[in-house]
Amino acid sequence: MKAAKNPSESVKRGGTNDKMTNQTAAGKKTLEKVLGENGDYYNALNSFVKTIKQFETNHYNNFSEFGKSFIASFNAYLQQSPLRDDKKMVNGYLLGLDAVLNNTSVETSKKKEYIQRAINQIMPALSSEYSKIKGTLTPENYHNMAQGALNDPMIMLNPFANNLKQELGKDSTYGDSIKISELSKNMETDLKNDDFSKLGEYFQKIPYNKDAYKKLNLTDQEINNMMSSADKLFNDLSSSLKEEDKKRLMYSMVNILSEEGNKQFSQLDKNHAATSFNNANPDTTTGLYLALNAASKSAVNTTNSGMSAENFAKMLRANPYAAGADMGLQY
């Protein structure tokens, strides 16, 4: 949905959110149904909350362009919300904020101060929006929200994300999945910096699936010896590669680990995710941002603890000369 660039362009349009006031007696609705029935409204709200998260995390390249986006998304939300009926708000207040943010004589630091004050001013309305959304959330929604919090650049460095990791980690299966995800992210960081010195070390941190070995009636000592031997062999062989070959091999490993982490996380206890998310106590904009992007995802095939045999084999078979930038990694 395209938001108006200037508040004055859309103040006369009127909103389409009349359905929002008539949901009481129908019983609890799912998040997907609510979003589907009020698409324009929640698209506008989502866009506005996203700009708030961008501001909070400095997740923009040009502040002048960001200021225009902030005004446009703020205006689009107001036009869809019940606040559209307050002409002082949509005409005077927003136009004044627009005039300041587009005034080159006003210092950037002052503009940022005004944006923060505007966010604080509208926060009671956003808190109300989050309360309505929370009433529709299922454990699966919370599970998706938790996964988003651990992977979205605008959330994953938030103190809330650290609290969430601690809460999720009270279930060891979540803890294992989070470790794989963090290992993948650390490898991605090294890739950006062209640092491949830890290739063998990273491989050693990938968990083996001990259950597979136990099916061969091997002793714990035999299993441990096989694993440590494989780790040492991989470390030695990877150190023999040229830098460009190490880079391609690390690309392949990151791609497999990312897929593995998503598979494991998707099949974990969703009720634990819901409890953990609420115990981590997100702030309003973080919770709202994640909730508006938490529609149910397709189920992923379950995996055992440790890396699945299929993905582990794929990684070991990976041709480092065939791997490259087309592997779907996002930077």
Protein backbone atom coordinates (compact mmCIF):
# COMPACT_ATOMS: atom_id res chain seq x y z
CA MET A 1 0.00 0.00 0.00
CA LYS A 2 1.43 3.37 -0.99
CA ALA A 3 1.15 6.06 1.64
CA ALA A 4 0.70 9.72 0.73
CA LYS A 5 3.93 11.69 0.79
CA ASN A 6 2.26 14.80 2.15
CA PRO A 7 -0.41 14.78 4.86
CA SER A 8 -2.50 17.28 2.92
CA GLU A 9 -2.82 14.87 0.00
CA SER A 10 -4.99 12.40 1.84
CA VAL A 11 -6.71 14.15 4.72
CA LYS A 12 -10.03 14.12 2.86
CA ARG A 13 -10.01 10.46 1.86
CA GLY A 14 -11.55 8.93 4.96
CA GLY A 15 -10.68 5.54 6.40
CA THR A 16 -11.97 2.01 5.93
CA ASN A 17 -11.78 0.69 9.46
CA ASP A 18 -15.45 0.57 10.39
CA LYS A 19 -15.25 -3.23 10.80
CA MET A 20 -12.89 -2.83 13.71
CA THR A 21 -15.65 -1.68 16.04
CA ASN A 22 -17.96 -4.63 15.33
CA GLN A 23 -15.94 -7.69 16.38
CA THR A 24 -17.12 -8.19 19.94
CA ALA A 25 -19.86 -10.82 19.90
CA ALA A 26 -18.39 -13.02 17.18
CA GLY A 27 -15.96 -14.70 19.56
CA LYS A 28 -12.21 -14.80 19.34
CA LYS A 29 -10.90 -14.32 15.82
CA THR A 30 -7.58 -15.55 14.56
CA LEU A 31 -4.80 -13.14 13.68
CA GLU A 32 -4.98 -14.24 10.06
CA LYS A 33 -8.71 -13.56 9.88
CA VAL A 34 -8.43 -10.14 11.50
CA LEU A 35 -5.60 -9.12 9.19
CA GLY A 36 -7.51 -10.45 6.19
CA GLU A 37 -10.67 -8.54 7.05
CA ASN A 38 -8.86 -5.28 7.75
CA GLY A 39 -5.97 -5.41 5.30
CA ASP A 40 -5.64 -1.70 4.55
CA TYR A 41 -5.83 -0.81 8.21
CA TYR A 42 -3.18 -3.24 9.36
CA ASN A 43 -0.95 -2.62 6.35
CA ALA A 44 -0.90 1.04 7.33
CA LEU A 45 -0.29 0.24 11.00
CA ASN A 46 2.46 -2.23 10.10
CA SER A 47 4.18 0.32 7.88
CA PHE A 48 4.05 2.94 10.64
CA VAL A 49 5.37 0.58 13.31
CA LYS A 50 8.16 -0.48 10.95
CA THR A 51 9.30 3.12 10.56
CA ILE A 52 9.33 3.46 14.35
CA LYS A 53 11.57 0.39 14.61
CA GLN A 54 13.80 1.84 11.89
CA PHE A 55 14.12 5.02 13.91
CA GLU A 56 14.82 3.18 17.15
CA THR A 57 17.59 1.10 15.56
CA ASN A 58 18.97 3.72 13.12
CA HIS A 59 18.03 1.29 10.38
CA TYR A 60 18.00 3.79 7.52
CA ASN A 61 20.58 5.27 5.13
CA ASN A 62 19.37 8.83 4.68
CA PHE A 63 17.65 10.66 7.53
CA SER A 64 15.99 13.21 5.25
CA GLU A 65 14.32 10.44 3.26
CA PHE A 66 13.47 8.62 6.46
CA GLY A 67 11.69 11.74 7.77
CA LYS A 68 9.47 11.77 4.69
CA SER A 69 8.73 8.07 5.14
CA PHE A 70 7.90 8.58 8.80
CA ILE A 71 5.39 11.34 8.03
CA ALA A 72 3.85 9.37 5.17
CA SER A 73 3.39 6.21 7.24
CA PHE A 74 2.11 8.18 10.26
CA ASN A 75 -0.42 9.90 8.03
CA ALA A 76 -1.48 6.64 6.37
CA TYR A 77 -2.12 5.07 9.78
CA LEU A 78 -4.12 8.06 10.99
CA GLN A 79 -6.26 8.02 7.84
CA GLN A 80 -7.19 4.37 8.47
CA SER A 81 -7.68 4.66 12.23
CA PRO A 82 -10.56 6.17 14.24
CA LEU A 83 -8.26 9.16 14.82
CA ARG A 84 -9.02 10.27 11.25
CA ASP A 85 -12.10 11.99 12.68
CA ASP A 86 -9.91 14.37 14.70
CA LYS A 87 -9.09 16.98 12.08
CA LYS A 88 -6.83 18.88 14.46
CA MET A 89 -4.65 15.79 14.64
CA VAL A 90 -4.56 14.91 10.94
CA ASN A 91 -4.53 18.50 9.62
CA GLY A 92 -2.73 20.69 12.12
CA TYR A 93 -0.50 18.40 14.19
CA LEU A 94 0.78 16.24 11.36
CA LEU A 95 1.28 19.17 9.00
CA GLY A 96 3.33 20.92 11.67
CA LEU A 97 5.52 17.85 12.13
CA ASP A 98 5.89 17.57 8.36
CA ALA A 99 6.94 21.22 8.09
CA VAL A 100 9.69 20.76 10.69
CA LEU A 101 11.08 17.51 9.30
CA ASN A 102 11.33 19.00 5.79
CA ASN A 103 12.88 22.27 6.96
CA THR A 104 16.61 22.42 6.20
CA SER A 105 17.12 25.16 8.79
CA VAL A 106 16.20 22.79 11.65
CA GLU A 107 19.10 20.70 12.96
CA THR A 108 18.93 16.93 12.55
CA SER A 109 19.30 16.37 16.28
CA LYS A 110 16.24 18.53 16.90
CA LYS A 111 14.28 16.68 14.22
CA LYS A 112 15.11 13.38 15.88
CA GLU A 113 13.94 14.79 19.19
CA TYR A 114 10.61 15.76 17.64
CA ILE A 115 10.18 12.33 16.06
CA GLN A 116 10.77 10.67 19.43
CA ARG A 117 8.25 12.99 21.07
CA ALA A 118 5.73 12.19 18.32
CA ILE A 119 6.25 8.46 18.95
CA ASN A 120 5.73 9.00 22.67
CA GLN A 121 2.59 11.01 21.93
CA ILE A 122 0.98 8.27 19.81
CA MET A 123 2.11 5.40 22.05
CA PRO A 124 -1.19 5.05 23.99
CA ALA A 125 -2.96 4.40 20.68
CA LEU A 126 -0.33 1.84 19.66
CA SER A 127 -0.63 0.13 23.05
CA SER A 128 -4.36 -0.18 22.43
CA GLU A 129 -3.66 -1.65 18.99
CA TYR A 130 -1.31 -4.23 20.50
CA SER A 131 -3.85 -5.20 23.13
CA LYS A 132 -6.43 -5.90 20.42
CA ILE A 133 -3.95 -7.94 18.39
CA LYS A 134 -2.78 -9.94 21.43
CA GLY A 135 -6.33 -11.18 21.89
CA THR A 136 -6.08 -13.04 18.57
CA LEU A 137 -2.65 -14.63 19.03
CA THR A 138 -2.21 -18.39 19.17
CA PRO A 139 0.86 -20.33 20.35
CA GLU A 140 1.81 -20.74 16.69
CA ASN A 141 1.70 -16.97 16.22
CA TYR A 142 3.92 -16.49 19.25
CA HIS A 143 6.26 -19.16 17.92
CA ASN A 144 6.59 -17.23 14.65
CA MET A 145 7.04 -13.99 16.58
CA ALA A 146 9.86 -15.54 18.61
CA GLN A 147 11.56 -16.77 15.45
CA GLY A 148 11.21 -13.32 13.92
CA ALA A 149 12.67 -11.66 17.01
CA LEU A 150 15.79 -13.82 16.78
CA ASN A 151 16.35 -13.13 13.07
CA ASP A 152 15.07 -9.64 12.27
CA PRO A 153 17.96 -7.10 12.24
CA MET A 154 15.70 -4.48 13.83
CA ILE A 155 14.85 -6.77 16.75
CA MET A 156 17.65 -9.28 17.28
CA LEU A 157 19.95 -6.75 18.98
CA ASN A 158 17.16 -5.41 21.19
CA PRO A 159 17.48 -6.26 24.93
CA PHE A 160 14.15 -8.03 24.52
CA ALA A 161 15.78 -10.54 22.15
CA ASN A 162 18.36 -11.44 24.80
CA ASN A 163 15.61 -11.90 27.38
CA LEU A 164 13.72 -14.07 24.91
CA LYS A 165 16.76 -16.28 24.31
CA GLN A 166 17.10 -16.84 28.05
CA GLU A 167 13.43 -17.75 28.38
CA LEU A 168 13.43 -20.03 25.34
CA GLY A 169 16.66 -21.64 26.49
CA LYS A 170 14.91 -23.05 29.55
CA ASP A 171 13.85 -25.75 27.08
CA SER A 172 17.06 -27.45 25.93
CA THR A 173 15.71 -28.13 22.45
CA TYR A 174 15.22 -24.40 21.92
CA GLY A 175 18.67 -23.79 23.32
CA ASP A 176 20.21 -26.16 20.76
CA SER A 177 18.31 -24.51 17.90
CA ILE A 178 19.36 -21.03 19.02
CA LYS A 179 23.01 -22.14 19.14
CA ILE A 180 22.82 -23.31 15.52
CA SER A 181 21.24 -20.02 14.48
CA GLU A 182 23.86 -17.96 16.29
CA LEU A 183 26.65 -20.07 14.81
CA SER A 184 25.27 -19.35 11.35
CA LYS A 185 25.12 -15.62 12.06
CA ASN A 186 28.71 -15.59 13.34
CA MET A 187 29.83 -17.30 10.17
CA GLU A 188 27.93 -14.77 8.07
CA THR A 189 29.72 -11.95 9.89
CA ASP A 190 33.08 -13.54 9.12
CA LEU A 191 32.07 -13.92 5.49
CA LYS A 192 31.32 -10.21 5.27
CA ASN A 193 34.78 -9.50 6.69
CA ASP A 194 36.53 -12.08 4.46
CA ASP A 195 37.73 -13.89 7.57
CA PHE A 196 37.84 -17.66 7.11
CA SER A 197 40.32 -18.46 9.87
CA LYS A 198 37.68 -20.12 12.07
CA LEU A 199 36.31 -22.51 9.48
CA GLY A 200 37.46 -25.63 11.33
CA GLU A 201 36.41 -24.19 14.68
CA TYR A 202 32.92 -23.47 13.38
CA PHE A 203 32.61 -27.00 12.02
CA GLN A 204 33.53 -28.40 15.42
CA LYS A 205 30.67 -26.44 17.04
CA ILE A 206 28.04 -28.03 14.80
CA PRO A 207 26.27 -30.73 16.87
CA TYR A 208 26.38 -34.33 15.69
CA ASN A 209 23.28 -36.50 15.83
CA LYS A 210 24.43 -39.12 18.32
CA ASP A 211 21.24 -41.14 17.90
CA ALA A 212 22.38 -42.08 14.41
CA TYR A 213 25.60 -43.59 15.81
CA LYS A 214 23.79 -45.45 18.57
CA LYS A 215 21.78 -47.34 15.97
CA LEU A 216 25.07 -49.04 15.05
CA ASN A 217 25.46 -50.27 18.64
CA LEU A 218 28.63 -48.22 19.07
CA THR A 219 29.91 -47.40 22.54
CA ASP A 220 30.03 -43.83 23.77
CA GLN A 221 33.81 -43.92 23.53
CA GLU A 222 33.70 -45.09 19.93
CA ILE A 223 31.16 -42.40 19.07
CA ASN A 224 33.21 -39.66 20.70
CA ASN A 225 36.38 -40.86 18.96
CA MET A 226 34.66 -40.82 15.57
CA MET A 227 33.34 -37.32 16.13
CA SER A 228 36.62 -35.85 17.34
CA SER A 229 38.45 -37.54 14.48
CA ALA A 230 36.03 -36.04 11.94
CA ASP A 231 36.43 -32.59 13.50
CA LYS A 232 40.23 -32.80 13.30
CA LEU A 233 40.16 -34.10 9.73
CA PHE A 234 37.84 -31.28 8.61
CA ASN A 235 40.03 -28.69 10.33
CA ASP A 236 43.15 -30.02 8.59
CA LEU A 237 41.62 -30.34 5.14
CA SER A 238 39.96 -26.92 5.26
CA SER A 239 43.25 -25.32 6.27
CA SER A 240 44.75 -26.72 3.08
CA LEU A 241 42.39 -24.71 0.89
CA LYS A 242 43.11 -21.34 -0.69
CA GLU A 243 41.25 -18.33 0.71
CA GLU A 244 38.75 -18.17 -2.15
CA ASP A 245 37.98 -21.89 -1.73
CA LYS A 246 37.51 -21.40 2.03
CA LYS A 247 35.09 -18.61 1.29
CA ARG A 248 32.99 -20.81 -0.99
CA LEU A 249 33.00 -23.64 1.51
CA MET A 250 31.86 -21.29 4.28
CA TYR A 251 29.06 -20.00 2.02
CA SER A 252 27.87 -23.56 1.63
CA MET A 253 28.06 -24.27 5.35
CA VAL A 254 26.14 -21.10 6.25
CA ASN A 255 23.40 -21.95 3.80
CA ILE A 256 22.98 -25.44 5.22
CA LEU A 257 23.11 -24.26 8.84
CA SER A 258 20.51 -21.58 8.19
CA GLU A 259 18.17 -24.15 6.67
CA GLU A 260 18.83 -26.54 9.52
CA GLY A 261 18.19 -23.93 12.19
CA ASN A 262 14.87 -22.95 10.63
CA LYS A 263 13.78 -26.58 10.39
CA GLN A 264 14.57 -27.34 13.99
CA PHE A 265 13.01 -24.15 15.35
CA SER A 266 9.82 -24.64 13.37
CA GLN A 267 9.04 -27.95 15.04
CA LEU A 268 9.64 -26.97 18.66
CA ASP A 269 7.00 -26.60 21.40
CA LYS A 270 4.84 -23.62 20.47
CA ASN A 271 3.30 -23.28 23.92
CA HIS A 272 6.78 -22.79 25.37
CA ALA A 273 7.40 -20.10 22.76
CA ALA A 274 4.21 -18.28 23.80
CA THR A 275 5.12 -18.41 27.49
CA SER A 276 8.71 -17.35 26.79
CA PHE A 277 7.66 -14.45 24.59
CA ASN A 278 5.36 -12.96 27.21
CA ASN A 279 7.84 -13.57 30.03
CA ALA A 280 10.48 -11.67 28.02
CA ASN A 281 8.09 -8.68 28.17
CA PRO A 282 8.52 -6.88 24.82
CA ASP A 283 7.90 -3.16 24.53
CA THR A 284 4.76 -2.12 22.64
CA THR A 285 6.30 -1.37 19.24
CA THR A 286 8.43 -4.52 19.29
CA GLY A 287 5.47 -6.71 20.18
CA LEU A 288 3.20 -5.01 17.67
CA TYR A 289 5.78 -5.16 14.88
CA LEU A 290 6.35 -8.88 15.42
CA ALA A 291 2.65 -9.67 15.82
CA LEU A 292 1.69 -7.96 12.57
CA ASN A 293 4.19 -10.19 10.78
CA ALA A 294 3.32 -13.41 12.61
CA ALA A 295 0.77 -15.04 10.31
CA SER A 296 1.10 -18.82 10.35
CA LYS A 297 3.87 -20.33 8.25
CA SER A 298 3.88 -23.70 6.53
CA ALA A 299 4.96 -26.58 8.72
CA VAL A 300 8.44 -27.89 8.20
CA ASN A 301 9.44 -31.54 8.47
CA THR A 302 10.61 -32.50 11.95
CA THR A 303 14.25 -33.29 12.73
CA ASN A 304 16.07 -35.04 15.54
CA SER A 305 18.42 -33.31 17.92
CA GLY A 306 21.70 -32.39 16.27
CA MET A 307 22.01 -31.82 12.55
CA SER A 308 19.75 -33.95 10.36
CA ALA A 309 21.47 -36.71 8.45
CA GLU A 310 20.29 -35.23 5.14
CA ASN A 311 21.69 -31.77 5.76
CA PHE A 312 24.87 -33.06 7.35
CA ALA A 313 25.47 -35.20 4.28
CA LYS A 314 24.68 -32.27 2.00
CA MET A 315 27.26 -30.16 3.76
CA LEU A 316 29.93 -32.85 3.59
CA ARG A 317 29.18 -33.46 -0.08
CA ALA A 318 29.08 -29.75 -0.91
CA ASN A 319 31.30 -28.85 -3.81
CA PRO A 320 33.13 -25.68 -2.71
CA TYR A 321 33.78 -24.78 -6.32
CA ALA A 322 30.06 -24.78 -7.12
CA ALA A 323 29.02 -22.62 -4.17
CA GLY A 324 28.80 -18.88 -4.55
CA ALA A 325 26.79 -15.70 -4.22
CA ASP A 326 23.72 -17.30 -5.75
CA MET A 327 23.14 -19.40 -2.64
CA GLY A 328 20.45 -17.08 -1.36
CA LEU A 329 22.36 -15.51 1.53
CA GLN A 330 21.16 -12.04 2.45
CA TYR A 331 23.61 -9.32 3.46
